[in-house]
Amino acid sequence: MRPSATLPKLTSQEPKPVDTCTRYLLNNAKYLKYDDYLKAVFCIARGVIEGACRHLIKDRMESMGLDGP
């Protein structure tokens, strides 16, 4: 995420949310064991929520000119 926040076409304010999100993920990495939780068959979120998140991230990536995953 951080490399995408350094694209030359971004304004000085646009990278700030990426930095905030990255800092959160790094600070909480020990709790973010999504693959382990799925293997244990824990309910992470309903399909509708996961689908909405996937589309939101895709839309954000595309608006920044990135292809996404």
Protein backbone atom coordinates (compact mmCIF):
# COMPACT_ATOMS: atom_id res chain seq x y z
CA MET A 1 0.00 0.00 0.00
CA ARG A 2 2.72 2.45 0.87
CA PRO A 3 4.35 2.42 -2.59
CA SER A 4 0.98 3.34 -4.12
CA ALA A 5 0.79 6.32 -1.75
CA THR A 6 3.97 7.77 -3.23
CA LEU A 7 2.70 8.03 -6.80
CA PRO A 8 3.61 11.42 -8.26
CA LYS A 9 0.05 12.24 -9.31
CA LEU A 10 -1.29 12.24 -5.74
CA THR A 11 -1.85 15.45 -3.83
CA SER A 12 -0.04 15.93 -0.53
CA GLN A 13 -3.21 14.98 1.39
CA GLU A 14 -4.11 11.77 -0.48
CA PRO A 15 -1.40 9.50 1.01
CA LYS A 16 -2.44 10.26 4.61
CA PRO A 17 -5.29 7.68 4.79
CA VAL A 18 -2.95 5.03 3.37
CA ASP A 19 -0.38 5.85 6.04
CA THR A 20 -3.06 5.66 8.74
CA CYS A 21 -4.32 2.31 7.47
CA THR A 22 -0.80 0.89 7.09
CA ARG A 23 0.14 1.99 10.60
CA TYR A 24 -3.02 0.34 11.98
CA LEU A 25 -2.33 -2.93 10.15
CA LEU A 26 1.30 -3.03 11.27
CA ASN A 27 0.43 -2.20 14.88
CA ASN A 28 -2.27 -4.90 14.98
CA ALA A 29 -0.65 -7.58 12.80
CA LYS A 30 -0.54 -10.06 15.68
CA TYR A 31 -4.35 -9.98 15.83
CA LEU A 32 -4.94 -10.16 12.08
CA LYS A 33 -4.79 -13.87 11.42
CA TYR A 34 -7.55 -14.04 8.84
CA ASP A 35 -6.31 -17.29 7.28
CA ASP A 36 -6.07 -19.00 10.68
CA TYR A 37 -9.59 -17.89 11.59
CA LEU A 38 -10.98 -19.17 8.29
CA LYS A 39 -9.24 -22.54 8.80
CA ALA A 40 -10.85 -22.74 12.25
CA VAL A 41 -14.22 -22.02 10.58
CA PHE A 42 -14.78 -18.84 12.59
CA CYS A 43 -17.31 -16.48 11.08
CA ILE A 44 -15.35 -13.40 10.05
CA ALA A 45 -18.11 -11.59 8.20
CA ARG A 46 -21.08 -12.44 6.07
CA GLY A 47 -20.59 -12.75 2.32
CA VAL A 48 -22.40 -9.48 1.69
CA ILE A 49 -19.98 -7.58 3.93
CA GLU A 50 -16.91 -9.25 2.46
CA GLY A 51 -18.21 -8.56 -1.04
CA ALA A 52 -18.82 -4.91 -0.22
CA CYS A 53 -15.32 -4.55 1.22
CA ARG A 54 -13.80 -6.23 -1.83
CA HIS A 55 -15.64 -3.85 -4.18
CA LEU A 56 -14.78 -0.81 -2.06
CA ILE A 57 -11.08 -1.67 -2.13
CA LYS A 58 -11.25 -2.37 -5.88
CA ASP A 59 -12.96 0.98 -6.50
CA ARG A 60 -10.38 2.83 -4.40
CA MET A 61 -7.47 1.11 -6.15
CA GLU A 62 -8.92 1.90 -9.58
CA SER A 63 -9.55 5.53 -8.63
CA MET A 64 -5.85 5.78 -7.78
CA GLY A 65 -4.94 4.34 -11.16
CA LEU A 66 -3.88 0.95 -9.80
CA ASP A 67 -4.96 -2.40 -11.18
CA GLY A 68 -5.39 -4.06 -7.80
CA PRO A 69 -4.76 -7.74 -7.07
